[in-house]
Amino acid sequence: MVIGLIALLVGTLSLSLGDTGGNSLASAQAILGSLANTARAQAAVNQTEARIYVYAVRPPSGDSDKYLRLLQVFVASPEGSTTWVPVGTPTYLPKGVYIVPNSVTGLLGTGVTWPTNPAPLSSFTSTVAGPSAGQQPTGTAFNAVSAVYYVQFNSDGSITPATSPYFKLVVATGALSSSSLPAFDRAGAVRGVLIRPSGGISFVNDPYSF
């Protein structure tokens, strides 16, 4: 009987972890928080703008392993420049976890209904041209990348675009579809980071608090 109860508890715990994305989703959320703090600190220390770039070249033209999973901090050199220099090394989100863009159209698994009011979507308004080959060392992960999402920290710690009341960076679990695009497979397996216009951050651990 004792063994049976233990097995039941373990099974219940496993289901619970499955609903929230478990350790991989929590790790992805921690990565977002760390990158946000790094970018803000780099902006303040160097008195320039800093950005978190997200690889946004959509497959099949883009790399499916990098799409919505590869992130890196960049700083403008000098302030106000269009030259963006990478800081540290690029970071991949854990396997099976992706940045949720500003729309999930075409990115949902079969039968998945995405939460609304508010929807757990990142605040990126559109993709922008990525840093060109001349703006960073050859061979880096974002070298000549044609499209990125980003959030920018200014030298005073504020962010651009200053989405009110928060800029949202959202991650969710997904699986690669036959078209090599991520298919978000569980509407409940969502976490994220809220960034205030002033640059301060807080964590969100469920899809209904964005």
N, C-alpha and C. Protein backbone atom coordinates (compact mmCIF):
# COMPACT_ATOMS: atom_id res chain seq x y z
N MET A 1 0.83 -1.21 0.00
CA MET A 1 0.00 0.00 0.00
C MET A 1 0.86 1.26 0.00
N VAL A 2 1.93 1.24 0.83
CA VAL A 2 2.83 2.40 0.90
C VAL A 2 3.47 2.65 -0.46
N ILE A 3 3.95 1.57 -1.09
CA ILE A 3 4.58 1.69 -2.41
C ILE A 3 3.58 2.24 -3.43
N GLY A 4 2.34 1.77 -3.33
CA GLY A 4 1.30 2.25 -4.24
C GLY A 4 1.05 3.73 -4.07
N LEU A 5 1.02 4.21 -2.82
CA LEU A 5 0.81 5.63 -2.56
C LEU A 5 1.96 6.47 -3.09
N ILE A 6 3.18 5.97 -2.91
CA ILE A 6 4.35 6.69 -3.42
C ILE A 6 4.27 6.80 -4.93
N ALA A 7 3.92 5.70 -5.59
CA ALA A 7 3.82 5.71 -7.05
C ALA A 7 2.76 6.71 -7.51
N LEU A 8 1.64 6.77 -6.77
CA LEU A 8 0.57 7.72 -7.11
C LEU A 8 1.04 9.15 -6.98
N LEU A 9 1.76 9.43 -5.89
CA LEU A 9 2.28 10.78 -5.68
C LEU A 9 3.29 11.17 -6.75
N VAL A 10 4.16 10.25 -7.12
CA VAL A 10 5.14 10.52 -8.18
C VAL A 10 4.44 10.78 -9.50
N GLY A 11 3.42 9.99 -9.81
CA GLY A 11 2.67 10.18 -11.04
C GLY A 11 1.97 11.52 -11.06
N THR A 12 1.38 11.93 -9.93
CA THR A 12 0.72 13.23 -9.84
C THR A 12 1.70 14.36 -10.03
N LEU A 13 2.89 14.24 -9.42
CA LEU A 13 3.92 15.25 -9.56
C LEU A 13 4.36 15.35 -11.01
N SER A 14 4.51 14.21 -11.68
CA SER A 14 4.93 14.22 -13.08
C SER A 14 3.91 14.92 -13.95
N LEU A 15 2.63 14.69 -13.71
CA LEU A 15 1.60 15.37 -14.48
C LEU A 15 1.64 16.86 -14.24
N SER A 16 1.87 17.23 -12.98
CA SER A 16 1.95 18.65 -12.65
C SER A 16 3.09 19.32 -13.38
N LEU A 17 4.25 18.66 -13.37
CA LEU A 17 5.40 19.23 -14.07
C LEU A 17 5.14 19.31 -15.57
N GLY A 18 4.44 18.31 -16.11
CA GLY A 18 4.13 18.33 -17.52
C GLY A 18 3.25 19.51 -17.88
N ASP A 19 2.29 19.87 -17.01
CA ASP A 19 1.38 20.97 -17.29
C ASP A 19 2.10 22.31 -17.30
N THR A 20 3.15 22.46 -16.54
CA THR A 20 3.82 23.75 -16.45
C THR A 20 5.10 23.81 -17.26
N GLY A 21 5.46 22.73 -17.93
CA GLY A 21 6.69 22.72 -18.70
C GLY A 21 7.87 22.26 -17.89
N GLY A 22 7.69 22.03 -16.58
CA GLY A 22 8.74 21.49 -15.74
C GLY A 22 9.99 22.33 -15.70
N ASN A 23 11.12 21.65 -15.49
CA ASN A 23 12.39 22.33 -15.30
C ASN A 23 12.86 23.11 -16.52
N SER A 24 12.58 22.62 -17.72
CA SER A 24 13.03 23.31 -18.94
C SER A 24 12.38 24.67 -19.07
N LEU A 25 11.09 24.74 -18.76
CA LEU A 25 10.37 26.02 -18.86
C LEU A 25 10.86 26.99 -17.79
N ALA A 26 11.08 26.50 -16.58
CA ALA A 26 11.61 27.36 -15.52
C ALA A 26 13.01 27.84 -15.86
N SER A 27 13.82 26.96 -16.47
CA SER A 27 15.17 27.34 -16.88
C SER A 27 15.13 28.42 -17.95
N ALA A 28 14.21 28.29 -18.92
CA ALA A 28 14.07 29.30 -19.97
C ALA A 28 13.67 30.64 -19.38
N GLN A 29 12.77 30.61 -18.43
CA GLN A 29 12.35 31.86 -17.78
C GLN A 29 13.52 32.50 -17.05
N ALA A 30 14.34 31.70 -16.37
CA ALA A 30 15.52 32.23 -15.68
C ALA A 30 16.51 32.84 -16.67
N ILE A 31 16.65 32.21 -17.85
CA ILE A 31 17.53 32.76 -18.88
C ILE A 31 17.06 34.14 -19.31
N LEU A 32 15.75 34.30 -19.52
CA LEU A 32 15.21 35.60 -19.91
C LEU A 32 15.51 36.65 -18.85
N GLY A 33 15.30 36.29 -17.59
CA GLY A 33 15.59 37.25 -16.52
C GLY A 33 17.05 37.62 -16.46
N SER A 34 17.93 36.64 -16.63
CA SER A 34 19.36 36.91 -16.60
C SER A 34 19.79 37.80 -17.76
N LEU A 35 19.27 37.53 -18.96
CA LEU A 35 19.62 38.35 -20.11
C LEU A 35 19.11 39.78 -19.96
N ALA A 36 17.91 39.93 -19.40
CA ALA A 36 17.37 41.27 -19.18
C ALA A 36 18.24 42.06 -18.20
N ASN A 37 18.65 41.41 -17.12
CA ASN A 37 19.51 42.08 -16.15
C ASN A 37 20.88 42.40 -16.75
N THR A 38 21.41 41.49 -17.57
CA THR A 38 22.70 41.72 -18.21
C THR A 38 22.62 42.90 -19.17
N ALA A 39 21.57 42.93 -20.00
CA ALA A 39 21.43 44.01 -20.96
C ALA A 39 21.29 45.36 -20.26
N ARG A 40 20.50 45.39 -19.21
CA ARG A 40 20.30 46.65 -18.48
C ARG A 40 21.61 47.12 -17.85
N ALA A 41 22.36 46.16 -17.27
CA ALA A 41 23.63 46.51 -16.65
C ALA A 41 24.64 47.00 -17.69
N GLN A 42 24.68 46.34 -18.85
CA GLN A 42 25.59 46.76 -19.91
C GLN A 42 25.26 48.16 -20.41
N ALA A 43 23.98 48.47 -20.51
CA ALA A 43 23.57 49.80 -20.94
C ALA A 43 24.03 50.86 -19.95
N ALA A 44 23.88 50.56 -18.66
CA ALA A 44 24.26 51.53 -17.63
C ALA A 44 25.78 51.70 -17.54
N VAL A 45 26.49 50.59 -17.53
CA VAL A 45 27.95 50.64 -17.37
C VAL A 45 28.61 51.34 -18.56
N ASN A 46 28.14 51.04 -19.76
CA ASN A 46 28.75 51.61 -20.96
C ASN A 46 28.09 52.89 -21.43
N GLN A 47 27.02 53.31 -20.73
CA GLN A 47 26.27 54.51 -21.10
C GLN A 47 25.93 54.51 -22.59
N THR A 48 25.27 53.44 -22.98
CA THR A 48 24.85 53.28 -24.37
C THR A 48 23.59 52.43 -24.38
N GLU A 49 23.07 52.14 -25.56
CA GLU A 49 21.91 51.27 -25.67
C GLU A 49 22.35 49.81 -25.69
N ALA A 50 21.52 48.94 -25.14
CA ALA A 50 21.77 47.50 -25.17
C ALA A 50 20.49 46.80 -25.59
N ARG A 51 20.64 45.73 -26.34
CA ARG A 51 19.48 44.98 -26.81
C ARG A 51 19.62 43.50 -26.52
N ILE A 52 18.49 42.85 -26.32
CA ILE A 52 18.42 41.39 -26.37
C ILE A 52 17.85 41.04 -27.73
N TYR A 53 18.64 40.35 -28.55
CA TYR A 53 18.18 39.91 -29.86
C TYR A 53 17.65 38.48 -29.76
N VAL A 54 16.58 38.22 -30.50
CA VAL A 54 16.02 36.87 -30.64
C VAL A 54 16.05 36.52 -32.13
N TYR A 55 16.62 35.39 -32.46
CA TYR A 55 16.69 34.94 -33.85
C TYR A 55 15.27 34.77 -34.39
N ALA A 56 14.96 35.45 -35.51
CA ALA A 56 13.59 35.47 -36.00
C ALA A 56 13.47 35.18 -37.50
N VAL A 57 14.46 34.49 -38.06
CA VAL A 57 14.37 34.10 -39.47
C VAL A 57 13.52 32.84 -39.55
N ARG A 58 12.33 32.98 -40.09
CA ARG A 58 11.35 31.90 -40.08
C ARG A 58 11.75 30.78 -41.05
N PRO A 59 11.72 29.53 -40.59
CA PRO A 59 11.95 28.42 -41.51
C PRO A 59 10.88 28.41 -42.61
N PRO A 60 11.18 27.91 -43.81
CA PRO A 60 12.35 27.09 -44.14
C PRO A 60 13.60 27.88 -44.49
N SER A 61 13.51 29.21 -44.67
CA SER A 61 14.72 29.97 -45.00
C SER A 61 15.63 30.12 -43.79
N GLY A 62 15.05 30.08 -42.59
CA GLY A 62 15.84 30.19 -41.37
C GLY A 62 16.19 28.84 -40.78
N ASP A 63 17.05 28.87 -39.78
CA ASP A 63 17.50 27.66 -39.08
C ASP A 63 16.47 27.29 -38.02
N SER A 64 15.83 26.13 -38.16
CA SER A 64 14.78 25.73 -37.24
C SER A 64 15.29 25.52 -35.82
N ASP A 65 16.57 25.20 -35.67
CA ASP A 65 17.13 24.99 -34.34
C ASP A 65 17.33 26.32 -33.61
N LYS A 66 17.52 27.41 -34.38
CA LYS A 66 17.73 28.73 -33.78
C LYS A 66 16.44 29.54 -33.65
N TYR A 67 15.47 29.27 -34.51
CA TYR A 67 14.27 30.09 -34.58
C TYR A 67 13.54 30.13 -33.25
N LEU A 68 13.42 31.35 -32.69
CA LEU A 68 12.74 31.61 -31.42
C LEU A 68 13.42 30.92 -30.23
N ARG A 69 14.67 30.46 -30.42
CA ARG A 69 15.40 29.81 -29.33
C ARG A 69 16.76 30.46 -29.06
N LEU A 70 17.31 31.16 -30.03
CA LEU A 70 18.65 31.73 -29.89
C LEU A 70 18.55 33.20 -29.49
N LEU A 71 19.24 33.57 -28.41
CA LEU A 71 19.21 34.94 -27.90
C LEU A 71 20.63 35.41 -27.58
N GLN A 72 20.85 36.71 -27.66
CA GLN A 72 22.13 37.27 -27.28
C GLN A 72 21.98 38.76 -26.99
N VAL A 73 22.81 39.25 -26.09
CA VAL A 73 22.85 40.68 -25.75
C VAL A 73 23.82 41.40 -26.68
N PHE A 74 23.42 42.57 -27.15
CA PHE A 74 24.26 43.43 -27.98
C PHE A 74 24.25 44.83 -27.39
N VAL A 75 25.34 45.57 -27.60
CA VAL A 75 25.38 46.98 -27.20
C VAL A 75 25.73 47.84 -28.40
N ALA A 76 25.19 49.05 -28.41
CA ALA A 76 25.52 50.00 -29.47
C ALA A 76 26.89 50.60 -29.19
N SER A 77 27.71 50.69 -30.22
CA SER A 77 29.07 51.22 -30.05
C SER A 77 29.41 52.18 -31.19
N PRO A 78 29.44 53.50 -30.87
CA PRO A 78 29.16 54.16 -29.60
C PRO A 78 27.66 54.36 -29.40
N GLU A 79 27.27 55.10 -28.34
CA GLU A 79 25.86 55.37 -28.08
C GLU A 79 25.22 56.04 -29.29
N GLY A 80 24.03 55.58 -29.62
CA GLY A 80 23.31 56.14 -30.75
C GLY A 80 23.73 55.58 -32.09
N SER A 81 24.72 54.68 -32.07
CA SER A 81 25.24 54.10 -33.30
C SER A 81 24.31 53.02 -33.83
N THR A 82 24.41 52.73 -35.12
CA THR A 82 23.71 51.59 -35.70
C THR A 82 24.59 50.34 -35.71
N THR A 83 25.78 50.45 -35.13
CA THR A 83 26.67 49.30 -35.00
C THR A 83 26.42 48.62 -33.66
N TRP A 84 26.06 47.35 -33.71
CA TRP A 84 25.72 46.59 -32.50
C TRP A 84 26.76 45.50 -32.30
N VAL A 85 27.38 45.52 -31.14
CA VAL A 85 28.48 44.61 -30.81
C VAL A 85 27.98 43.55 -29.83
N PRO A 86 28.25 42.28 -30.09
CA PRO A 86 27.76 41.22 -29.19
C PRO A 86 28.46 41.24 -27.84
N VAL A 87 27.73 40.89 -26.80
CA VAL A 87 28.25 40.79 -25.44
C VAL A 87 28.16 39.33 -25.02
N GLY A 88 29.27 38.76 -24.59
CA GLY A 88 29.26 37.37 -24.15
C GLY A 88 28.98 36.42 -25.29
N THR A 89 28.40 35.30 -24.95
CA THR A 89 28.13 34.26 -25.95
C THR A 89 26.63 34.14 -26.19
N PRO A 90 26.23 33.64 -27.37
CA PRO A 90 24.81 33.43 -27.62
C PRO A 90 24.24 32.36 -26.70
N THR A 91 22.96 32.46 -26.41
CA THR A 91 22.30 31.54 -25.49
C THR A 91 21.12 30.86 -26.18
N TYR A 92 21.03 29.56 -26.05
CA TYR A 92 19.89 28.81 -26.55
C TYR A 92 18.94 28.51 -25.40
N LEU A 93 17.65 28.63 -25.66
CA LEU A 93 16.68 28.14 -24.70
C LEU A 93 16.74 26.62 -24.68
N PRO A 94 16.29 25.98 -23.61
CA PRO A 94 16.30 24.51 -23.56
C PRO A 94 15.48 23.93 -24.71
N LYS A 95 15.86 22.73 -25.12
CA LYS A 95 15.13 22.03 -26.16
C LYS A 95 13.64 21.94 -25.81
N GLY A 96 12.80 22.21 -26.79
CA GLY A 96 11.36 22.11 -26.56
C GLY A 96 10.73 23.35 -25.98
N VAL A 97 11.51 24.42 -25.79
CA VAL A 97 10.97 25.68 -25.27
C VAL A 97 11.33 26.80 -26.25
N TYR A 98 10.35 27.67 -26.54
CA TYR A 98 10.53 28.72 -27.54
C TYR A 98 9.99 30.05 -27.03
N ILE A 99 10.58 31.14 -27.53
CA ILE A 99 9.99 32.45 -27.34
C ILE A 99 8.65 32.48 -28.07
N VAL A 100 7.61 32.98 -27.40
CA VAL A 100 6.32 33.17 -28.05
C VAL A 100 6.33 34.55 -28.71
N PRO A 101 6.17 34.64 -30.03
CA PRO A 101 6.19 35.96 -30.67
C PRO A 101 4.90 36.73 -30.39
N ASN A 102 4.67 37.82 -31.13
CA ASN A 102 3.48 38.64 -30.87
C ASN A 102 2.21 38.05 -31.49
N SER A 103 2.35 36.95 -32.21
CA SER A 103 1.21 36.24 -32.77
C SER A 103 1.55 34.76 -32.84
N VAL A 104 0.56 33.91 -32.52
CA VAL A 104 0.79 32.46 -32.60
C VAL A 104 0.08 31.86 -33.82
N THR A 105 -0.36 32.71 -34.74
CA THR A 105 -0.99 32.22 -35.95
C THR A 105 -0.04 31.30 -36.71
N GLY A 106 -0.50 30.08 -36.98
CA GLY A 106 0.32 29.10 -37.67
C GLY A 106 1.33 28.40 -36.78
N LEU A 107 1.32 28.70 -35.48
CA LEU A 107 2.31 28.12 -34.57
C LEU A 107 1.68 27.32 -33.43
N LEU A 108 0.43 26.90 -33.58
CA LEU A 108 -0.23 26.14 -32.53
C LEU A 108 -0.34 24.67 -32.92
N GLY A 109 -0.19 23.82 -31.92
CA GLY A 109 -0.38 22.40 -32.14
C GLY A 109 -1.84 22.09 -32.40
N THR A 110 -2.11 20.92 -32.93
CA THR A 110 -3.47 20.49 -33.23
C THR A 110 -4.33 20.49 -31.97
N GLY A 111 -5.46 21.19 -32.05
CA GLY A 111 -6.39 21.20 -30.94
C GLY A 111 -6.05 22.15 -29.80
N VAL A 112 -4.96 22.90 -29.92
CA VAL A 112 -4.55 23.82 -28.86
C VAL A 112 -5.24 25.17 -29.05
N THR A 113 -5.89 25.65 -28.01
CA THR A 113 -6.50 26.98 -28.00
C THR A 113 -5.69 27.88 -27.10
N TRP A 114 -5.18 28.98 -27.65
CA TRP A 114 -4.30 29.85 -26.88
C TRP A 114 -5.11 30.74 -25.96
N PRO A 115 -4.64 30.97 -24.72
CA PRO A 115 -5.37 31.84 -23.79
C PRO A 115 -5.49 33.27 -24.33
N THR A 116 -6.55 33.95 -23.92
CA THR A 116 -6.76 35.35 -24.32
C THR A 116 -7.13 36.18 -23.10
N ASN A 117 -7.13 37.49 -23.31
CA ASN A 117 -7.60 38.46 -22.30
C ASN A 117 -6.95 38.35 -20.92
N PRO A 118 -5.66 38.63 -20.80
CA PRO A 118 -4.74 38.97 -21.88
C PRO A 118 -4.09 37.71 -22.44
N ALA A 119 -3.65 37.78 -23.68
CA ALA A 119 -2.96 36.65 -24.29
C ALA A 119 -1.50 36.66 -23.88
N PRO A 120 -0.92 35.50 -23.54
CA PRO A 120 0.50 35.43 -23.22
C PRO A 120 1.34 35.47 -24.49
N LEU A 121 1.58 36.67 -24.99
CA LEU A 121 2.37 36.90 -26.20
C LEU A 121 3.46 37.90 -25.88
N SER A 122 4.63 37.74 -26.50
CA SER A 122 5.68 38.74 -26.32
C SER A 122 5.28 40.05 -27.00
N SER A 123 5.91 41.14 -26.59
CA SER A 123 5.50 42.47 -27.03
C SER A 123 6.18 42.95 -28.30
N PHE A 124 6.92 42.09 -28.98
CA PHE A 124 7.56 42.51 -30.22
C PHE A 124 6.50 42.97 -31.22
N THR A 125 6.69 44.15 -31.79
CA THR A 125 5.71 44.66 -32.74
C THR A 125 5.95 44.11 -34.14
N SER A 126 7.20 43.82 -34.47
CA SER A 126 7.53 43.28 -35.79
C SER A 126 8.97 42.80 -35.77
N THR A 127 9.37 42.09 -36.81
CA THR A 127 10.77 41.72 -36.94
C THR A 127 11.52 42.88 -37.58
N VAL A 128 12.78 42.99 -37.27
CA VAL A 128 13.62 44.02 -37.87
C VAL A 128 14.84 43.36 -38.50
N ALA A 129 15.49 44.08 -39.36
CA ALA A 129 16.70 43.54 -39.99
C ALA A 129 17.74 43.26 -38.91
N GLY A 130 18.38 42.12 -39.03
CA GLY A 130 19.40 41.74 -38.07
C GLY A 130 20.69 42.49 -38.27
N PRO A 131 21.63 42.37 -37.32
CA PRO A 131 22.93 43.03 -37.45
C PRO A 131 23.67 42.50 -38.67
N SER A 132 24.21 43.39 -39.45
CA SER A 132 24.86 42.98 -40.69
C SER A 132 26.24 42.40 -40.43
N ALA A 133 26.81 41.80 -41.47
CA ALA A 133 28.10 41.13 -41.33
C ALA A 133 29.19 42.10 -40.88
N GLY A 134 29.09 43.36 -41.27
CA GLY A 134 30.11 44.33 -40.91
C GLY A 134 29.99 44.84 -39.49
N GLN A 135 28.91 44.45 -38.76
CA GLN A 135 28.67 45.01 -37.44
C GLN A 135 29.11 44.09 -36.31
N GLN A 136 29.63 42.94 -36.62
CA GLN A 136 30.11 42.05 -35.57
C GLN A 136 31.10 41.06 -36.17
N PRO A 137 31.88 40.38 -35.33
CA PRO A 137 32.91 39.46 -35.84
C PRO A 137 32.30 38.34 -36.66
N THR A 138 32.96 37.99 -37.74
CA THR A 138 32.53 36.89 -38.59
C THR A 138 32.48 35.59 -37.78
N GLY A 139 31.42 34.82 -38.01
CA GLY A 139 31.30 33.54 -37.34
C GLY A 139 30.45 33.55 -36.10
N THR A 140 30.02 34.72 -35.61
CA THR A 140 29.14 34.74 -34.45
C THR A 140 27.74 34.30 -34.85
N ALA A 141 26.93 33.92 -33.88
CA ALA A 141 25.64 33.31 -34.16
C ALA A 141 24.69 34.22 -34.91
N PHE A 142 24.82 35.53 -34.75
CA PHE A 142 23.92 36.47 -35.40
C PHE A 142 24.56 37.15 -36.61
N ASN A 143 25.67 36.62 -37.08
CA ASN A 143 26.36 37.22 -38.21
C ASN A 143 25.48 37.18 -39.46
N ALA A 144 25.17 38.34 -40.02
CA ALA A 144 24.38 38.46 -41.25
C ALA A 144 22.98 37.87 -41.13
N VAL A 145 22.46 37.75 -39.92
CA VAL A 145 21.09 37.28 -39.73
C VAL A 145 20.13 38.34 -40.28
N SER A 146 19.15 37.91 -41.05
CA SER A 146 18.30 38.88 -41.76
C SER A 146 17.14 39.41 -40.95
N ALA A 147 16.76 38.75 -39.85
CA ALA A 147 15.62 39.22 -39.08
C ALA A 147 15.77 38.85 -37.62
N VAL A 148 15.43 39.79 -36.74
CA VAL A 148 15.48 39.55 -35.30
C VAL A 148 14.27 40.22 -34.64
N TYR A 149 13.92 39.70 -33.46
CA TYR A 149 13.08 40.44 -32.52
C TYR A 149 14.04 41.03 -31.49
N TYR A 150 13.62 42.13 -30.84
CA TYR A 150 14.50 42.66 -29.79
C TYR A 150 13.72 43.49 -28.79
N VAL A 151 14.32 43.65 -27.61
CA VAL A 151 13.92 44.66 -26.63
C VAL A 151 15.17 45.45 -26.31
N GLN A 152 15.04 46.77 -26.22
CA GLN A 152 16.21 47.65 -26.04
C GLN A 152 16.17 48.33 -24.68
N PHE A 153 17.32 48.31 -24.02
CA PHE A 153 17.51 49.06 -22.78
C PHE A 153 18.33 50.31 -23.08
N ASN A 154 17.86 51.45 -22.63
CA ASN A 154 18.58 52.70 -22.82
C ASN A 154 19.55 52.93 -21.67
N SER A 155 20.43 53.91 -21.83
CA SER A 155 21.49 54.12 -20.83
C SER A 155 20.94 54.50 -19.46
N ASP A 156 19.69 55.01 -19.40
CA ASP A 156 19.09 55.35 -18.11
C ASP A 156 18.31 54.19 -17.50
N GLY A 157 18.37 53.02 -18.14
CA GLY A 157 17.70 51.83 -17.62
C GLY A 157 16.32 51.59 -18.18
N SER A 158 15.74 52.57 -18.87
CA SER A 158 14.41 52.40 -19.44
C SER A 158 14.48 51.52 -20.68
N ILE A 159 13.32 51.13 -21.19
CA ILE A 159 13.30 50.25 -22.35
C ILE A 159 12.58 50.90 -23.54
N THR A 160 12.90 50.39 -24.71
CA THR A 160 12.26 50.79 -25.97
C THR A 160 11.94 49.52 -26.76
N PRO A 161 10.71 49.32 -27.22
CA PRO A 161 9.55 50.19 -27.03
C PRO A 161 9.01 50.08 -25.60
N ALA A 162 8.57 51.21 -25.05
CA ALA A 162 8.09 51.26 -23.67
C ALA A 162 6.62 50.85 -23.62
N THR A 163 6.36 49.56 -23.85
CA THR A 163 5.00 49.05 -23.87
C THR A 163 4.36 49.20 -22.49
N SER A 164 3.17 49.77 -22.44
CA SER A 164 2.48 50.00 -21.16
C SER A 164 1.47 48.87 -20.89
N PRO A 165 1.40 48.38 -19.63
CA PRO A 165 2.24 48.73 -18.49
C PRO A 165 3.54 47.93 -18.44
N TYR A 166 3.66 46.88 -19.27
CA TYR A 166 4.85 46.06 -19.27
C TYR A 166 5.23 45.66 -20.69
N PHE A 167 6.52 45.42 -20.90
CA PHE A 167 6.98 44.70 -22.09
C PHE A 167 7.03 43.24 -21.69
N LYS A 168 6.47 42.36 -22.50
CA LYS A 168 6.37 40.95 -22.14
C LYS A 168 7.33 40.10 -22.97
N LEU A 169 8.10 39.28 -22.28
CA LEU A 169 8.90 38.25 -22.91
C LEU A 169 8.33 36.92 -22.43
N VAL A 170 7.78 36.14 -23.35
CA VAL A 170 7.03 34.95 -23.00
C VAL A 170 7.70 33.72 -23.61
N VAL A 171 7.75 32.64 -22.85
CA VAL A 171 8.25 31.35 -23.35
C VAL A 171 7.19 30.29 -23.13
N ALA A 172 7.18 29.30 -24.02
CA ALA A 172 6.21 28.21 -23.92
C ALA A 172 6.82 26.94 -24.51
N THR A 173 6.25 25.80 -24.14
CA THR A 173 6.72 24.54 -24.69
C THR A 173 6.16 24.33 -26.08
N GLY A 174 6.91 23.64 -26.91
CA GLY A 174 6.47 23.36 -28.27
C GLY A 174 7.24 22.20 -28.86
N ALA A 175 6.76 21.74 -30.00
CA ALA A 175 7.41 20.66 -30.75
C ALA A 175 7.51 21.07 -32.20
N LEU A 176 8.58 20.67 -32.87
CA LEU A 176 8.74 21.02 -34.27
C LEU A 176 7.67 20.32 -35.11
N SER A 177 7.02 21.10 -35.98
CA SER A 177 6.02 20.55 -36.88
C SER A 177 6.70 20.02 -38.14
N SER A 178 5.92 19.49 -39.04
CA SER A 178 6.47 18.96 -40.28
C SER A 178 7.06 20.06 -41.16
N SER A 179 6.65 21.31 -40.91
CA SER A 179 7.19 22.44 -41.66
C SER A 179 8.40 23.07 -40.97
N SER A 180 8.91 22.41 -39.93
CA SER A 180 10.08 22.86 -39.16
C SER A 180 9.81 24.11 -38.35
N LEU A 181 8.53 24.43 -38.15
CA LEU A 181 8.15 25.53 -37.27
C LEU A 181 7.76 24.97 -35.91
N PRO A 182 8.00 25.72 -34.84
CA PRO A 182 7.55 25.24 -33.53
C PRO A 182 6.03 25.27 -33.45
N ALA A 183 5.46 24.23 -32.88
CA ALA A 183 4.03 24.17 -32.63
C ALA A 183 3.82 24.18 -31.12
N PHE A 184 3.30 25.29 -30.60
CA PHE A 184 3.07 25.38 -29.16
C PHE A 184 1.99 24.37 -28.78
N ASP A 185 2.36 23.44 -27.90
CA ASP A 185 1.54 22.26 -27.71
C ASP A 185 0.70 22.24 -26.45
N ARG A 186 0.98 23.15 -25.50
CA ARG A 186 0.20 23.17 -24.25
C ARG A 186 -0.03 24.61 -23.83
N ALA A 187 -1.28 25.02 -23.87
CA ALA A 187 -1.61 26.41 -23.54
C ALA A 187 -1.29 26.75 -22.09
N GLY A 188 -1.20 25.74 -21.24
CA GLY A 188 -0.89 25.99 -19.83
C GLY A 188 0.59 26.03 -19.53
N ALA A 189 1.42 25.55 -20.47
CA ALA A 189 2.86 25.49 -20.24
C ALA A 189 3.51 26.77 -20.74
N VAL A 190 3.26 27.86 -20.02
CA VAL A 190 3.71 29.20 -20.41
C VAL A 190 4.27 29.92 -19.18
N ARG A 191 5.42 30.56 -19.37
CA ARG A 191 5.99 31.43 -18.34
C ARG A 191 6.57 32.66 -19.01
N GLY A 192 7.03 33.60 -18.21
CA GLY A 192 7.62 34.77 -18.84
C GLY A 192 8.18 35.78 -17.88
N VAL A 193 8.63 36.88 -18.46
CA VAL A 193 9.21 37.99 -17.72
C VAL A 193 8.50 39.27 -18.15
N LEU A 194 8.08 40.07 -17.19
CA LEU A 194 7.51 41.38 -17.47
C LEU A 194 8.58 42.43 -17.20
N ILE A 195 8.77 43.34 -18.16
CA ILE A 195 9.74 44.40 -18.01
C ILE A 195 9.00 45.73 -17.95
N ARG A 196 9.14 46.44 -16.86
CA ARG A 196 8.49 47.75 -16.72
C ARG A 196 9.16 48.76 -17.64
N PRO A 197 8.46 49.84 -18.01
CA PRO A 197 9.09 50.88 -18.82
C PRO A 197 10.40 51.41 -18.21
N SER A 198 10.49 51.37 -16.87
CA SER A 198 11.70 51.82 -16.18
C SER A 198 12.83 50.81 -16.28
N GLY A 199 12.51 49.57 -16.69
CA GLY A 199 13.53 48.53 -16.85
C GLY A 199 13.49 47.45 -15.80
N GLY A 200 12.74 47.63 -14.73
CA GLY A 200 12.64 46.61 -13.70
C GLY A 200 11.89 45.39 -14.20
N ILE A 201 12.20 44.21 -13.68
CA ILE A 201 11.58 42.99 -14.17
C ILE A 201 10.85 42.24 -13.05
N SER A 202 9.86 41.44 -13.46
CA SER A 202 9.21 40.51 -12.55
C SER A 202 8.84 39.27 -13.34
N PHE A 203 8.65 38.15 -12.64
CA PHE A 203 8.41 36.86 -13.28
C PHE A 203 6.92 36.50 -13.23
N VAL A 204 6.47 35.85 -14.29
CA VAL A 204 5.10 35.36 -14.38
C VAL A 204 5.14 33.85 -14.58
N ASN A 205 4.41 33.12 -13.76
CA ASN A 205 4.52 31.67 -13.77
C ASN A 205 3.28 30.95 -14.28
N ASP A 206 2.33 31.68 -14.85
CA ASP A 206 1.16 31.03 -15.42
C ASP A 206 0.67 31.88 -16.59
N PRO A 207 -0.13 31.27 -17.49
CA PRO A 207 -0.52 31.98 -18.71
C PRO A 207 -1.60 33.04 -18.51
N TYR A 208 -2.14 33.16 -17.30
CA TYR A 208 -3.28 34.06 -17.09
C TYR A 208 -2.92 35.32 -16.32
N SER A 209 -1.62 35.58 -16.16
CA SER A 209 -1.19 36.74 -15.38
C SER A 209 -0.40 37.74 -16.22
N PHE A 210 -0.54 37.68 -17.53
CA PHE A 210 0.19 38.59 -18.40
C PHE A 210 -0.62 39.86 -18.70
